[in-house]
Amino acid sequence: MTILEPTANNRNLSLVALCGGVGGARLVRALDRLLPTASITAIVNVGDDEKRYGVHVAADIDTVLYTLSDIVGPQGWGIDGDTTTMMTTLNKLGVDTAFHLGDRDFAHCLWRTNRLSEGSSLSATTTHLATTLGVRPKVLPATDDPVATAVQIADGSWLTFQEYFVERGHRDEVRTLRYDGADVATAAPGVIDAIANADAVIIAPSNPPLSIWPILAIPGIRHSLETHDRVIAVSPLFSGTALKGPARQVLESLGLGSGTASILAAYDALIDYLIIDAGDSADTQLSNARTVVEAVDTRLTPVDRAQDLVATITRLIGETNAN
């Protein structure tokens, strides 16, 4: 792996990344590996968190932790090589195990659940897991309070996020979304300060409505971005669609349009730069008075492939600092 040479633009940067699961985790990993002198804080969506099999599953947080500690499974989630004794046993007992947790993954969730029941916070349990796994960047939940993404589908019924995404394979048309609890939640300790003190806030290539909007729904976080002068979003789309997940379908069904225009609409009045994939370079013409659109290779695997993306991020930070 080639580390980016230290320059005036990237030396000792303080960066915050807002992220969901797979795409967000891979962006934070690229920043961590290619900018070893940077101070990086990942602020992670908790709208996917649910109780499953009696344990607190923090899906996006764990995906970020497993990716940064190089133990993530090849599919981008779970733990590589994890065993399945727990799921096999539950299945034999007649339990629906469509929501899969490997044994080591389950152990982390069980430990988290016990600590939370004893009065620990989600922030504290996340920090302990990060330390145990050898994760260098700071990983913070967006909030320590319960926030749950609820999905209304075409027939009018409401699903929890995991029912929609995992159990039903995100095949349903999304009519609208709710972020239950977000309006009374408080940003987790360190979140607002990290944003305020960052050289740049980067919105990772996660699904905007499903992974980033739940973060922005927490009082104080959106305002912190609105008042920051260097907010950079990375589009999750390639030739108008996502490599994984239903980003394109959700953006369209919520009336945000399609392609790069839908990402601009999702982050309206919030971002200074939008980085799109080189294959969509014609969309740089969508730059406007609020947001500059730049095109570069935005693939994040393997990590070396992200060099141009990370270099573009640091260049944009340098240009903003110079203005």
Foldseek 3Di string as FASTA:
>chain_A
DEADDDDPLQAAFQEEEEDEAQQSLLVQLLCCVRRVNYAYEYAWEQQQWDQDPNFTQRFRLQLNLCSQLVQADPVSGAGHPFAQPPVVVVVVVVDDCLPGHGPVRVVLRRVVRVVVVVPDFPQVSSQVSSVVSVGRHRYGYQFSDDKHKWFQFDVRDIDTPCCCCRVVVVPTQTQDIDTPPQAVTAGHPPQLVSLQPGLAYEYTQDQLVPIPVSSCSHPPNQVSQLPDPHYEYEHQDDPFAHPDDDSQRRLVSHPQDTDPSSVCSSQPSRHAEYEYEQNVQVCQVVADPRYGYHYYHCDSPPSVRCPVVSVVSSVVSVVSVVD
